[in-house]
């Protein structure tokens, strides 16, 4: 499994925004399709809410790619 840490500088990021931010989706429409297919797991559970808020410490898995959300460090 491929693992990545993605740092955000806001309190949270929405699932569809994260898919675009980390390069797993090319557009918002593409992100919506990915989420609706049911292939996104947030903290190990399948998530079909594209507006789901991801906070530092959360994980996002799409197929064999695991993203760990980290917060802004001063």
Protein backbone atom coordinates (compact mmCIF):
# COMPACT_ATOMS: atom_id res chain seq x y z
CA UNK A 1 0.00 0.00 0.00
CA UNK A 2 1.23 3.45 -0.94
CA UNK A 3 1.18 5.91 2.01
CA UNK A 4 1.32 9.70 1.92
CA UNK A 5 1.01 12.49 4.47
CA UNK A 6 -0.90 15.54 3.28
CA UNK A 7 -0.62 18.68 5.38
CA UNK A 8 -3.51 21.12 5.57
CA UNK A 9 -3.34 24.62 7.03
CA UNK A 10 -7.06 24.87 7.83
CA UNK A 11 -9.01 23.22 10.66
CA UNK A 12 -10.53 20.70 8.21
CA UNK A 13 -10.87 19.86 4.52
CA UNK A 14 -13.84 18.31 2.75
CA UNK A 15 -13.43 14.88 1.21
CA UNK A 16 -13.99 16.07 -2.36
CA UNK A 17 -11.50 18.91 -1.86
CA UNK A 18 -8.92 16.49 -0.45
CA UNK A 19 -9.26 14.22 -3.48
CA UNK A 20 -8.43 17.17 -5.73
CA UNK A 21 -5.74 18.58 -3.39
CA UNK A 22 -3.77 15.33 -3.25
CA UNK A 23 -4.16 14.65 -6.98
CA UNK A 24 -6.48 11.64 -6.86
CA UNK A 25 -9.17 13.59 -8.75
CA UNK A 26 -8.66 16.00 -11.63
CA UNK A 27 -11.85 18.03 -11.14
CA UNK A 28 -14.69 18.45 -8.69
CA UNK A 29 -16.88 16.31 -10.92
CA UNK A 30 -14.28 13.58 -10.96
CA UNK A 31 -14.04 13.75 -7.15
CA UNK A 32 -17.82 13.39 -6.91
CA UNK A 33 -17.72 10.27 -9.11
CA UNK A 34 -14.96 8.70 -7.00
CA UNK A 35 -16.93 9.26 -3.79
CA UNK A 36 -20.21 8.00 -5.31
CA UNK A 37 -18.48 4.79 -6.45
CA UNK A 38 -17.95 3.91 -2.78
CA UNK A 39 -14.19 3.41 -3.07
CA UNK A 40 -13.25 6.03 -0.45
CA UNK A 41 -12.62 4.95 3.11
CA UNK A 42 -12.34 7.55 5.85
CA UNK A 43 -10.76 6.16 9.01
CA UNK A 44 -11.38 2.65 7.67
CA UNK A 45 -15.10 3.04 6.89
CA UNK A 46 -16.57 3.49 3.41
CA UNK A 47 -17.73 7.08 2.95
CA UNK A 48 -20.11 8.29 0.26
CA UNK A 49 -20.48 11.84 1.61
CA UNK A 50 -18.37 14.11 -0.58
CA UNK A 51 -18.74 16.91 1.99
CA UNK A 52 -17.38 14.76 4.83
CA UNK A 53 -14.96 16.86 6.91
CA UNK A 54 -11.47 15.46 7.30
CA UNK A 55 -9.44 16.68 10.27
CA UNK A 56 -5.75 16.27 11.11
CA UNK A 57 -5.25 12.69 12.25
CA UNK A 58 -7.88 11.28 9.87
CA UNK A 59 -7.00 8.83 7.13
CA UNK A 60 -8.36 8.54 3.61
CA UNK A 61 -7.94 5.39 1.55
CA UNK A 62 -8.71 5.09 -2.15
CA UNK A 63 -7.84 1.70 -3.61
CA UNK A 64 -4.23 1.02 -2.53
CA UNK A 65 -3.40 4.64 -1.64
CA UNK A 66 -3.54 5.72 2.00
CA UNK A 67 -3.51 9.42 2.83
CA UNK A 68 -2.92 10.64 6.38
CA UNK A 69 -4.15 14.16 7.02
CA UNK A 70 -1.74 16.22 9.09
CA UNK A 71 -2.17 19.71 10.46
CA UNK A 72 -0.18 22.85 10.01
CA UNK A 73 2.89 22.92 12.21
CA UNK A 74 4.33 26.29 13.24
